[in-house]
Amino acid sequence: MKYALCHAALALVFAFAARGADKPNVIFILADDLGYRETGSYGQEKIKTPRLDELAAAGMRFTRAYSGNAVCAPSRCVLMTGKHPGHATVRNNRSMEPEGQHPIRASEVTLADLFQKAGYACGAFGKWGLGNEWSEGNPKRSGFDRFFGYNCQGKAHTYYPDTLWSDGELFPLENDPPVPGHAGLPKGADPADPASYAMFQGKDYAPDRVNGAALEFIRSHRDEPFFLYYPSILPHVALHVPNEDLAPYHAENWDDPPFTRSKSYGYTPHFTPRAAYAAMITRLDTYVGRVLDLVEELGLTEKTIVVFASDNGTTHLDAEVDYEFFASVGELRGLKGQLYEGGIRIPQIVKWPGKIAPGSVSDHVTGFEDWLPTLMELIGSTESIPPGLDGQSLAAVLRGEEVPQRDFLYREFPGYGGQQAVWLGSRWKGIRTELKRGKKEPDLSIQLYDLIEDPSEEHDVSGENPEVVAKIRALMTSERVPSTVFPFPALDKLAEQ
């Protein structure tokens, strides 16, 4: 009898193991402030991204993918919860003491929670930004078994800090002293002398540590399904990158005058800022390559879904990042912090050998809220998807099937003057701006753009299309619930009417 029970128990264990073995691994790599056209497969001509270009050639490249929002924390909240910004907990960057950002609620079901429920090992490596270590929103309380990196977005402004977080404990780095993310040249320093910038070069490059921890997570969980969330801090300023990475771009002989931070705000100076920014993106590309190489080495390529995306568009800080020189957003209007296309349309690549056609391109309109239902469908766990989410599965799109465009995509952002936008299908986009600039009566008129004919959003056609504007106005009211933590007076007042 004991033998029979033991045999039955072992059979059950092996059955669960076999079920887990059939589930694909998922690696989600998130760049920080990477522009729509800052990789080769999206038209970049100056910055070298060979591994990301290989990824695009091996999978599907999206041309109408949108991040969760126009800046870091609210964008990541949409990704983690499947709720668009009108329903999300976090709707803007908001710092907390002693560090970190406003937390997602403990009651929120995150993408990692669902992967854990499906039997996955879950690890996050890089920048979190959705609740400090003492809050209900820290990564270990949000579904992750392992976390290594920066909890706080503000701390992540330096690539040479003194510590990182490792599962709730401070992990020391060999930067003594740490390099600040915000500082200027010392008084009397010669801005024309490269030696003046040596103080902004550290020893222990944090992204190397993060990449190493992510690779170790893959090795440790090679025999079970895993979800690796890799929100890199690259290429967000400050312009910090090891000197050896600059040489290939110095050889380009660009006209590259120093960034000296002459004003009282901004990030740390760099002697060759164009070369530094390009090198940071290439460094990110190298890290992606290391992940892909390890997956191949371990024989996991065929059973691993890889997603690459960015949390928003290129930074608007033109003194540090010369987005015009790099054509960072190409023909698009807007930059980080704006709901115009350049601030929120992103590069997005998905690879799954044997399931996604190599070299495929999709113009399907999609947002970060779609990843929760998509990944749950791909791993066979649709029954775990919570009700009431805003995302729509992309599984059929990834399989190459003809799928109708979504009815609409909704975004709001109370920062950078206050903005609200709605996309109707693939053609129409309505946007309101300057809703929180201290005006007593903000202008609630809606700009309308035909993104098929006018992807640069140059011609407001609202006057010629009143019925389209009316549909967008109705969605701008119905698709949001006011937030007491992130008030948006102009829109909250409309909700009360």
Protein backbone atom coordinates (compact mmCIF):
# COMPACT_ATOMS: atom_id res chain seq x y z
CA MET A 1 0.00 0.00 0.00
CA LYS A 2 2.83 2.38 0.90
CA TYR A 3 4.54 1.49 -2.38
CA ALA A 4 1.35 2.22 -4.33
CA LEU A 5 0.92 5.59 -2.63
CA CYS A 6 4.56 6.47 -3.22
CA HIS A 7 4.30 5.42 -6.85
CA ALA A 8 1.17 7.53 -7.30
CA ALA A 9 2.84 10.55 -5.69
CA LEU A 10 5.86 10.22 -7.95
CA ALA A 11 3.62 9.89 -10.97
CA LEU A 12 1.89 13.13 -9.97
CA VAL A 13 5.22 14.90 -9.53
CA PHE A 14 6.41 13.76 -12.96
CA ALA A 15 3.10 14.79 -14.51
CA PHE A 16 3.46 18.32 -13.14
CA ALA A 17 7.12 18.38 -14.22
CA ALA A 18 6.16 17.32 -17.73
CA ARG A 19 3.47 20.00 -17.85
CA GLY A 20 6.03 22.59 -16.78
CA ALA A 21 8.52 21.30 -19.34
CA ASP A 22 6.00 22.04 -22.10
CA LYS A 23 5.62 25.67 -21.11
CA PRO A 24 7.82 28.18 -22.93
CA ASN A 25 10.21 30.42 -21.06
CA VAL A 26 9.57 34.15 -21.39
CA ILE A 27 12.25 36.84 -21.48
CA PHE A 28 10.99 40.42 -21.56
CA ILE A 29 13.75 42.99 -22.11
CA LEU A 30 12.76 46.62 -21.57
CA ALA A 31 15.01 49.48 -22.69
CA ASP A 32 14.81 52.83 -20.91
CA ASP A 33 14.11 55.91 -23.10
CA LEU A 34 15.07 54.14 -26.34
CA GLY A 35 13.58 55.97 -29.30
CA TYR A 36 11.47 54.49 -32.08
CA ARG A 37 14.25 54.79 -34.65
CA GLU A 38 17.33 54.16 -32.50
CA THR A 39 18.01 50.58 -33.65
CA GLY A 40 19.10 49.43 -37.08
CA SER A 41 15.98 47.44 -37.85
CA TYR A 42 13.92 50.59 -37.28
CA GLY A 43 16.04 52.74 -39.59
CA GLN A 44 18.93 53.92 -37.41
CA GLU A 45 22.03 54.68 -39.49
CA LYS A 46 24.61 55.87 -36.97
CA ILE A 47 24.22 53.61 -33.92
CA LYS A 48 25.27 49.97 -34.19
CA THR A 49 22.74 47.41 -32.88
CA PRO A 50 23.68 44.12 -34.57
CA ARG A 51 22.13 41.78 -32.02
CA LEU A 52 18.80 43.60 -31.91
CA ASP A 53 18.79 43.63 -35.69
CA GLU A 54 19.35 39.87 -35.67
CA LEU A 55 16.47 39.53 -33.22
CA ALA A 56 14.19 41.46 -35.56
CA ALA A 57 15.29 39.31 -38.51
CA ALA A 58 14.44 36.18 -36.51
CA GLY A 59 11.04 37.36 -35.28
CA MET A 60 8.30 39.95 -35.65
CA ARG A 61 8.85 43.70 -35.66
CA PHE A 62 5.94 45.96 -34.69
CA THR A 63 5.57 49.37 -36.34
CA ARG A 64 2.58 50.58 -34.28
CA ALA A 65 3.50 49.50 -30.76
CA TYR A 66 2.87 51.95 -27.92
CA SER A 67 4.38 51.98 -24.45
CA GLY A 68 2.20 52.22 -21.37
CA ASN A 69 2.80 55.93 -20.94
CA ALA A 70 5.19 58.76 -21.80
CA VAL A 71 7.52 58.31 -18.78
CA CYS A 72 8.96 55.44 -16.76
CA ALA A 73 6.81 54.46 -13.77
CA PRO A 74 3.30 54.78 -15.24
CA SER A 75 4.43 52.96 -18.37
CA ARG A 76 5.75 50.03 -16.33
CA CYS A 77 2.56 49.95 -14.28
CA VAL A 78 0.53 49.39 -17.46
CA LEU A 79 2.89 46.59 -18.47
CA MET A 80 2.73 44.84 -15.11
CA THR A 81 -1.04 45.09 -14.56
CA GLY A 82 -2.70 45.06 -18.01
CA LYS A 83 -4.61 48.26 -17.17
CA HIS A 84 -4.35 51.37 -19.32
CA PRO A 85 -3.52 54.74 -17.70
CA GLY A 86 -7.16 55.64 -17.10
CA HIS A 87 -7.51 52.68 -14.74
CA ALA A 88 -3.92 52.16 -13.55
CA THR A 89 -2.68 52.71 -10.00
CA VAL A 90 0.43 54.67 -11.07
CA ARG A 91 -0.18 57.49 -13.56
CA ASN A 92 2.93 59.64 -13.23
CA ASN A 93 6.40 59.53 -11.72
CA ARG A 94 6.05 60.28 -8.01
CA SER A 95 8.99 60.00 -5.63
CA MET A 96 8.68 58.49 -2.14
CA GLU A 97 10.91 58.72 0.93
CA PRO A 98 13.58 57.58 1.58
CA GLU A 99 13.74 56.45 -2.05
CA GLY A 100 11.61 54.83 -4.72
CA GLN A 101 8.34 55.66 -6.43
CA HIS A 102 4.64 55.42 -5.64
CA PRO A 103 3.82 51.71 -5.19
CA ILE A 104 1.39 49.60 -7.08
CA ARG A 105 -1.24 48.27 -4.68
CA ALA A 106 -0.84 44.89 -3.03
CA SER A 107 -4.26 43.99 -4.40
CA GLU A 108 -3.05 44.41 -8.00
CA VAL A 109 -2.49 41.15 -9.85
CA THR A 110 0.76 41.54 -11.75
CA LEU A 111 2.18 39.73 -14.72
CA ALA A 112 4.69 38.06 -12.39
CA ASP A 113 1.90 36.92 -10.03
CA LEU A 114 0.29 35.09 -12.93
CA PHE A 115 3.56 33.51 -14.04
CA GLN A 116 4.15 32.31 -10.48
CA LYS A 117 0.67 30.82 -10.39
CA ALA A 118 1.48 28.98 -13.63
CA GLY A 119 4.55 27.40 -12.05
CA TYR A 120 7.23 29.77 -13.32
CA ALA A 121 10.35 30.98 -11.55
CA CYS A 122 10.19 34.78 -11.81
CA GLY A 123 13.14 37.16 -11.73
CA ALA A 124 13.45 40.91 -12.29
CA PHE A 125 16.80 42.52 -13.08
CA GLY A 126 17.35 46.22 -13.65
CA LYS A 127 15.09 49.13 -12.71
CA TRP A 128 11.82 48.54 -10.86
CA GLY A 129 10.28 51.95 -10.01
CA LEU A 130 6.90 50.66 -8.75
CA GLY A 131 7.38 50.71 -4.99
CA ASN A 132 10.39 50.89 -2.68
CA GLU A 133 11.69 47.99 -0.61
CA TRP A 134 9.50 48.93 2.36
CA SER A 135 6.29 49.30 0.39
CA GLU A 136 3.53 46.95 -0.74
CA GLY A 137 4.72 47.42 -4.30
CA ASN A 138 8.26 46.09 -4.00
CA PRO A 139 9.17 43.42 -6.56
CA LYS A 140 9.29 40.55 -4.05
CA ARG A 141 5.68 41.36 -3.09
CA SER A 142 4.69 41.71 -6.73
CA GLY A 143 5.32 38.16 -7.88
CA PHE A 144 9.09 38.01 -8.31
CA ASP A 145 11.17 35.35 -6.57
CA ARG A 146 14.40 37.22 -7.33
CA PHE A 147 15.20 40.89 -7.76
CA PHE A 148 18.55 42.52 -8.44
CA GLY A 149 19.13 46.10 -9.48
CA TYR A 150 17.77 49.57 -8.81
CA ASN A 151 14.54 49.90 -6.92
CA CYS A 152 14.41 53.68 -7.39
CA GLN A 153 14.36 55.52 -10.71
CA GLY A 154 16.19 58.49 -9.21
CA LYS A 155 19.04 56.28 -7.98
CA ALA A 156 19.21 54.83 -11.50
CA HIS A 157 20.38 58.18 -12.88
CA THR A 158 23.92 57.02 -12.12
CA TYR A 159 25.53 53.94 -13.63
CA TYR A 160 28.21 53.94 -10.92
CA PRO A 161 26.28 53.83 -7.60
CA ASP A 162 27.69 52.52 -4.34
CA THR A 163 24.98 49.86 -3.94
CA LEU A 164 22.21 47.97 -5.73
CA TRP A 165 19.34 46.01 -4.21
CA SER A 166 19.47 42.23 -4.09
CA ASP A 167 16.33 40.59 -2.67
CA GLY A 168 15.81 43.29 -0.06
CA GLU A 169 19.48 43.61 0.91
CA LEU A 170 21.96 46.23 -0.22
CA PHE A 171 24.62 44.80 -2.52
CA PRO A 172 27.86 46.86 -2.43
CA LEU A 173 29.61 47.97 -5.61
CA GLU A 174 33.23 48.99 -5.95
CA ASN A 175 32.59 52.67 -6.57
CA ASP A 176 34.26 54.74 -3.86
CA PRO A 177 33.05 57.37 -4.12
CA PRO A 178 29.94 56.69 -6.20
CA VAL A 179 29.52 58.84 -9.31
CA PRO A 180 26.56 61.23 -9.03
CA GLY A 181 23.92 61.28 -11.73
CA HIS A 182 23.48 65.04 -11.39
CA ALA A 183 26.57 67.23 -10.97
CA GLY A 184 28.57 69.80 -12.88
CA LEU A 185 32.24 70.35 -13.60
CA PRO A 186 34.19 71.67 -10.61
CA LYS A 187 34.81 75.39 -10.48
CA GLY A 188 37.85 76.23 -12.55
CA ALA A 189 37.84 72.97 -14.53
CA ASP A 190 38.74 73.32 -18.20
CA PRO A 191 35.78 72.05 -20.27
CA ALA A 192 38.13 71.57 -23.27
CA ASP A 193 40.35 69.14 -21.33
CA PRO A 194 39.17 65.48 -21.40
CA ALA A 195 40.77 65.00 -17.96
CA SER A 196 38.14 67.31 -16.45
CA TYR A 197 35.52 64.62 -17.05
CA ALA A 198 37.37 61.77 -15.34
CA MET A 199 35.41 62.28 -12.12
CA PHE A 200 32.29 60.99 -13.89
CA GLN A 201 33.91 57.67 -14.77
CA GLY A 202 33.48 54.95 -12.14
CA LYS A 203 34.98 51.51 -11.71
CA ASP A 204 32.07 49.12 -11.17
CA TYR A 205 29.52 49.55 -14.00
CA ALA A 206 26.14 48.61 -12.54
CA PRO A 207 24.60 47.33 -15.83
CA ASP A 208 27.39 44.72 -15.98
CA ARG A 209 26.32 43.46 -12.57
CA VAL A 210 22.66 43.43 -13.60
CA ASN A 211 23.43 41.53 -16.78
CA GLY A 212 25.49 38.99 -14.86
CA ALA A 213 22.68 38.42 -12.36
CA ALA A 214 20.15 37.96 -15.18
CA LEU A 215 22.39 35.39 -16.86
CA GLU A 216 22.80 33.53 -13.57
CA PHE A 217 19.03 33.42 -13.17
CA ILE A 218 18.71 31.77 -16.58
CA ARG A 219 21.38 29.20 -15.70
CA SER A 220 19.78 28.46 -12.34
CA HIS A 221 16.34 27.85 -13.85
CA ARG A 222 17.30 26.17 -17.11
CA ASP A 223 15.38 23.01 -16.14
CA GLU A 224 12.09 24.71 -15.29
CA PRO A 225 9.95 27.37 -16.95
CA PHE A 226 11.06 30.87 -16.07
CA PHE A 227 9.94 34.46 -16.60
CA LEU A 228 12.85 36.87 -16.84
CA TYR A 229 11.89 40.54 -16.70
CA TYR A 230 14.94 42.59 -17.65
CA PRO A 231 14.19 46.35 -17.40
CA SER A 232 17.60 47.77 -18.28
CA ILE A 233 18.47 51.35 -17.35
CA LEU A 234 20.14 51.89 -20.73
CA PRO A 235 20.20 54.30 -22.52
CA HIS A 236 18.62 56.70 -19.97
CA VAL A 237 20.92 59.58 -19.09
CA ALA A 238 23.31 60.32 -17.35
CA LEU A 239 25.87 59.68 -20.09
CA HIS A 240 27.85 57.01 -18.26
CA VAL A 241 29.57 54.29 -20.27
CA PRO A 242 32.97 52.55 -20.01
CA ASN A 243 35.69 54.30 -21.98
CA GLU A 244 36.44 51.25 -24.12
CA ASP A 245 32.95 51.44 -25.61
CA LEU A 246 33.59 54.97 -26.90
CA ALA A 247 36.46 54.11 -29.26
CA PRO A 248 34.35 52.82 -32.19
CA TYR A 249 32.29 56.01 -32.17
CA HIS A 250 35.28 58.30 -31.72
CA ALA A 251 36.55 56.71 -34.93
CA GLU A 252 33.45 58.07 -36.70
CA ASN A 253 34.94 61.57 -36.34
CA TRP A 254 31.60 63.16 -35.60
CA ASP A 255 31.46 66.82 -34.70
CA ASP A 256 30.92 66.09 -31.00
CA PRO A 257 31.32 69.11 -28.70
CA PRO A 258 31.27 68.49 -24.94
CA PHE A 259 28.15 68.57 -22.83
CA THR A 260 29.20 70.74 -19.90
CA ARG A 261 25.93 71.14 -17.99
CA SER A 262 26.20 74.91 -17.98
CA LYS A 263 22.78 75.28 -16.37
CA SER A 264 21.92 74.46 -12.76
CA TYR A 265 20.00 71.34 -13.74
CA GLY A 266 20.65 68.30 -15.90
CA TYR A 267 22.80 65.22 -15.72
CA THR A 268 26.58 64.86 -15.49
CA PRO A 269 28.83 66.27 -18.23
CA HIS A 270 30.54 64.21 -20.92
CA PHE A 271 33.40 65.18 -23.23
CA THR A 272 31.89 63.42 -26.28
CA PRO A 273 28.13 63.13 -25.66
CA ARG A 274 27.15 61.85 -29.11
CA ALA A 275 29.68 59.04 -28.91
CA ALA A 276 28.59 58.28 -25.33
CA TYR A 277 24.91 57.99 -26.18
CA ALA A 278 25.57 55.78 -29.19
CA ALA A 279 27.90 53.61 -27.11
CA MET A 280 25.25 53.20 -24.40
CA ILE A 281 22.76 51.85 -26.93
CA THR A 282 25.39 49.52 -28.37
CA ARG A 283 26.17 48.38 -24.82
CA LEU A 284 22.49 47.54 -24.37
CA ASP A 285 22.65 45.63 -27.64
CA THR A 286 25.62 43.66 -26.30
CA TYR A 287 23.69 42.69 -23.17
CA VAL A 288 20.78 41.48 -25.28
CA GLY A 289 23.25 39.40 -27.26
CA ARG A 290 24.66 37.81 -24.12
CA VAL A 291 21.17 36.76 -23.05
CA LEU A 292 20.40 35.28 -26.46
CA ASP A 293 23.76 33.50 -26.61
CA LEU A 294 23.24 31.89 -23.21
CA VAL A 295 19.74 30.75 -24.16
CA GLU A 296 21.24 29.16 -27.28
CA GLU A 297 24.11 27.59 -25.32
CA LEU A 298 21.66 25.97 -22.90
CA GLY A 299 19.54 24.59 -25.74
CA LEU A 300 16.53 26.73 -24.80
CA THR A 301 16.11 28.82 -27.94
CA GLU A 302 13.21 26.87 -29.41
CA LYS A 303 11.22 27.02 -26.19
CA THR A 304 11.89 30.64 -25.25
CA ILE A 305 9.77 33.67 -26.16
CA VAL A 306 11.86 36.84 -26.28
CA VAL A 307 10.24 40.29 -26.23
CA PHE A 308 12.17 43.53 -26.60
CA ALA A 309 10.56 46.95 -26.13
CA SER A 310 11.14 50.43 -24.69
CA ASP A 311 9.29 52.14 -21.85
CA ASN A 312 8.82 55.41 -23.79
CA GLY A 313 10.45 57.56 -26.44
CA THR A 314 13.78 59.37 -26.59
CA THR A 315 14.55 61.92 -23.90
CA HIS A 316 13.75 65.56 -24.62
CA LEU A 317 17.09 66.70 -23.11
CA ASP A 318 18.72 67.73 -26.37
CA ALA A 319 21.91 69.04 -24.74
CA GLU A 320 22.69 65.54 -23.47
CA VAL A 321 21.11 63.50 -26.26
CA ASP A 322 21.21 64.93 -29.76
CA TYR A 323 18.02 63.30 -31.02
CA GLU A 324 18.09 65.34 -34.22
CA PHE A 325 21.60 64.15 -35.08
CA PHE A 326 20.55 60.53 -34.56
CA ALA A 327 17.05 61.01 -36.04
CA SER A 328 15.94 59.20 -32.88
CA VAL A 329 12.22 59.34 -33.61
CA GLY A 330 12.51 59.81 -37.36
CA GLU A 331 9.48 61.45 -38.90
CA LEU A 332 7.44 61.31 -35.70
CA ARG A 333 6.46 64.31 -33.60
CA GLY A 334 7.26 64.49 -29.90
CA LEU A 335 9.68 63.00 -27.38
CA LYS A 336 9.62 61.48 -23.90
CA GLY A 337 6.95 63.06 -21.73
CA GLN A 338 4.58 63.66 -24.64
CA LEU A 339 1.68 61.63 -25.97
CA TYR A 340 2.55 62.64 -29.50
CA GLU A 341 3.88 59.65 -31.43
CA GLY A 342 7.58 60.21 -30.79
CA GLY A 343 7.05 60.10 -27.04
CA ILE A 344 5.13 56.87 -26.90
CA ARG A 345 5.55 54.84 -30.12
CA ILE A 346 8.34 52.36 -29.51
CA PRO A 347 10.46 49.67 -31.10
CA GLN A 348 8.99 46.26 -30.22
CA ILE A 349 10.34 42.90 -31.36
CA VAL A 350 9.10 39.39 -30.53
CA LYS A 351 10.89 36.13 -31.28
CA TRP A 352 9.70 32.54 -30.81
CA PRO A 353 11.32 30.09 -33.25
CA GLY A 354 8.82 27.86 -35.01
CA LYS A 355 5.87 29.92 -33.79
CA ILE A 356 6.57 33.44 -35.12
CA ALA A 357 7.62 33.85 -38.74
CA PRO A 358 11.16 35.26 -39.04
CA GLY A 359 11.45 38.68 -40.61
CA SER A 360 7.75 39.41 -40.19
CA VAL A 361 6.38 42.91 -39.65
CA SER A 362 3.08 43.91 -38.06
CA ASP A 363 1.28 47.26 -38.19
CA HIS A 364 -1.22 46.12 -35.56
CA VAL A 365 -1.88 48.86 -33.01
CA THR A 366 -0.89 47.52 -29.61
CA GLY A 367 -0.07 48.84 -26.13
CA PHE A 368 1.70 47.56 -23.03
CA GLU A 369 -1.61 46.48 -21.50
CA ASP A 370 -1.78 43.77 -24.18
CA TRP A 371 1.21 41.84 -22.88
CA LEU A 372 -0.50 40.34 -19.84
CA PRO A 373 -3.27 38.57 -21.80
CA THR A 374 -0.88 37.80 -24.67
CA LEU A 375 1.71 36.02 -22.57
CA MET A 376 -0.90 34.16 -20.56
CA GLU A 377 -2.39 32.85 -23.80
CA LEU A 378 1.00 31.88 -25.17
CA ILE A 379 1.81 29.81 -22.08
CA GLY A 380 -1.66 28.26 -21.93
CA SER A 381 -2.91 30.04 -18.79
CA THR A 382 -5.78 32.18 -20.05
CA GLU A 383 -7.98 30.98 -17.22
CA SER A 384 -5.83 32.94 -14.76
CA ILE A 385 -6.34 36.34 -16.45
CA PRO A 386 -8.25 38.63 -14.04
CA PRO A 387 -11.50 40.15 -15.28
CA GLY A 388 -11.80 43.80 -16.15
CA LEU A 389 -8.42 44.36 -17.78
CA ASP A 390 -7.85 46.64 -20.76
CA GLY A 391 -5.41 44.51 -22.72
CA GLN A 392 -6.15 42.38 -25.75
CA SER A 393 -4.15 39.28 -26.66
CA LEU A 394 -1.72 39.53 -29.55
CA ALA A 395 -1.30 35.77 -29.86
CA ALA A 396 -3.13 35.58 -33.19
CA VAL A 397 -1.10 38.53 -34.53
CA LEU A 398 2.11 36.77 -33.56
CA ARG A 399 0.93 33.65 -35.38
CA GLY A 400 0.54 35.74 -38.50
CA GLU A 401 -3.24 35.60 -38.64
CA GLU A 402 -5.37 38.41 -40.03
CA VAL A 403 -6.75 40.26 -37.00
CA PRO A 404 -8.96 43.36 -37.00
CA GLN A 405 -7.41 46.46 -35.47
CA ARG A 406 -8.46 47.16 -31.90
CA ASP A 407 -11.34 49.63 -31.57
CA PHE A 408 -9.30 52.11 -29.55
CA LEU A 409 -6.22 52.69 -27.42
CA TYR A 410 -6.42 55.11 -24.46
CA ARG A 411 -3.67 57.12 -22.78
CA GLU A 412 -3.61 59.93 -20.24
CA PHE A 413 -0.66 61.59 -18.56
CA PRO A 414 -1.02 64.31 -15.90
CA GLY A 415 2.64 65.31 -16.22
CA TYR A 416 4.44 67.57 -18.71
CA GLY A 417 1.51 69.98 -18.89
CA GLY A 418 -1.25 67.37 -18.79
CA GLN A 419 -2.25 65.31 -21.84
CA GLN A 420 -4.86 62.82 -23.00
CA ALA A 421 -4.98 60.77 -26.21
CA VAL A 422 -7.17 58.19 -27.95
CA TRP A 423 -6.33 56.17 -31.06
CA LEU A 424 -9.27 54.86 -33.11
CA GLY A 425 -8.11 51.85 -35.09
CA SER A 426 -4.93 52.51 -37.03
CA ARG A 427 -5.98 55.80 -38.67
CA TRP A 428 -7.33 58.34 -36.22
CA LYS A 429 -5.71 59.87 -33.18
CA GLY A 430 -7.19 62.55 -30.96
CA ILE A 431 -5.04 64.36 -28.44
CA ARG A 432 -5.47 67.09 -25.83
CA THR A 433 -2.45 68.94 -24.46
CA GLU A 434 -1.63 71.74 -22.00
CA LEU A 435 -4.34 70.62 -19.58
CA LYS A 436 -2.36 71.45 -16.42
CA ARG A 437 -0.36 74.56 -17.16
CA GLY A 438 -1.94 76.69 -14.47
CA LYS A 439 -4.69 77.93 -16.71
CA LYS A 440 -7.96 78.67 -14.96
CA GLU A 441 -9.94 77.13 -17.79
CA PRO A 442 -7.82 74.63 -19.76
CA ASP A 443 -8.48 74.21 -23.44
CA LEU A 444 -10.37 70.91 -23.82
CA SER A 445 -10.43 71.02 -27.59
CA ILE A 446 -9.19 67.90 -29.36
CA GLN A 447 -6.53 67.88 -32.05
CA LEU A 448 -7.21 65.15 -34.62
CA TYR A 449 -4.60 63.49 -36.81
CA ASP A 450 -4.85 60.97 -39.63
CA LEU A 451 -1.83 58.79 -38.86
CA ILE A 452 -2.03 56.93 -42.15
CA GLU A 453 -1.73 60.09 -44.23
CA ASP A 454 0.06 62.20 -41.63
CA PRO A 455 2.28 60.11 -39.30
CA SER A 456 4.15 63.27 -38.29
CA GLU A 457 0.98 64.79 -36.77
CA GLU A 458 1.41 68.05 -38.66
CA HIS A 459 -2.14 68.67 -39.82
CA ASP A 460 -5.03 68.94 -37.37
CA VAL A 461 -8.11 67.70 -39.25
CA SER A 462 -10.60 67.96 -36.39
CA GLY A 463 -12.66 70.57 -38.19
CA GLU A 464 -13.28 68.27 -41.15
CA ASN A 465 -14.17 65.21 -39.06
CA PRO A 466 -16.59 66.19 -36.26
CA GLU A 467 -18.08 62.67 -35.94
CA VAL A 468 -14.64 61.15 -35.31
CA VAL A 469 -13.88 63.86 -32.75
CA ALA A 470 -17.19 63.13 -30.99
CA LYS A 471 -16.32 59.42 -30.66
CA ILE A 472 -12.91 60.28 -29.24
CA ARG A 473 -14.37 62.81 -26.81
CA ALA A 474 -16.80 60.19 -25.49
CA LEU A 475 -13.96 57.70 -24.93
CA MET A 476 -11.87 60.36 -23.20
CA THR A 477 -14.65 60.58 -20.62
CA SER A 478 -15.71 56.94 -20.33
CA GLU A 479 -12.25 55.33 -20.27
CA ARG A 480 -10.98 56.81 -17.03
CA VAL A 481 -11.60 56.68 -13.33
CA PRO A 482 -10.28 59.69 -11.33
CA SER A 483 -7.29 59.05 -9.08
CA THR A 484 -6.92 60.76 -5.71
CA VAL A 485 -3.16 60.14 -5.75
CA PHE A 486 -2.65 61.45 -9.27
CA PRO A 487 -5.32 64.15 -9.64
CA PHE A 488 -6.04 65.55 -13.07
CA PRO A 489 -8.40 68.46 -12.33
CA ALA A 490 -9.45 69.25 -15.89
CA LEU A 491 -10.48 65.66 -16.57
CA ASP A 492 -11.73 64.87 -13.06
CA LYS A 493 -14.13 67.81 -13.35
CA LEU A 494 -15.56 66.34 -16.54
CA ALA A 495 -16.12 63.02 -14.79
CA GLU A 496 -18.24 64.77 -12.16
CA GLN A 497 -20.55 66.33 -14.71
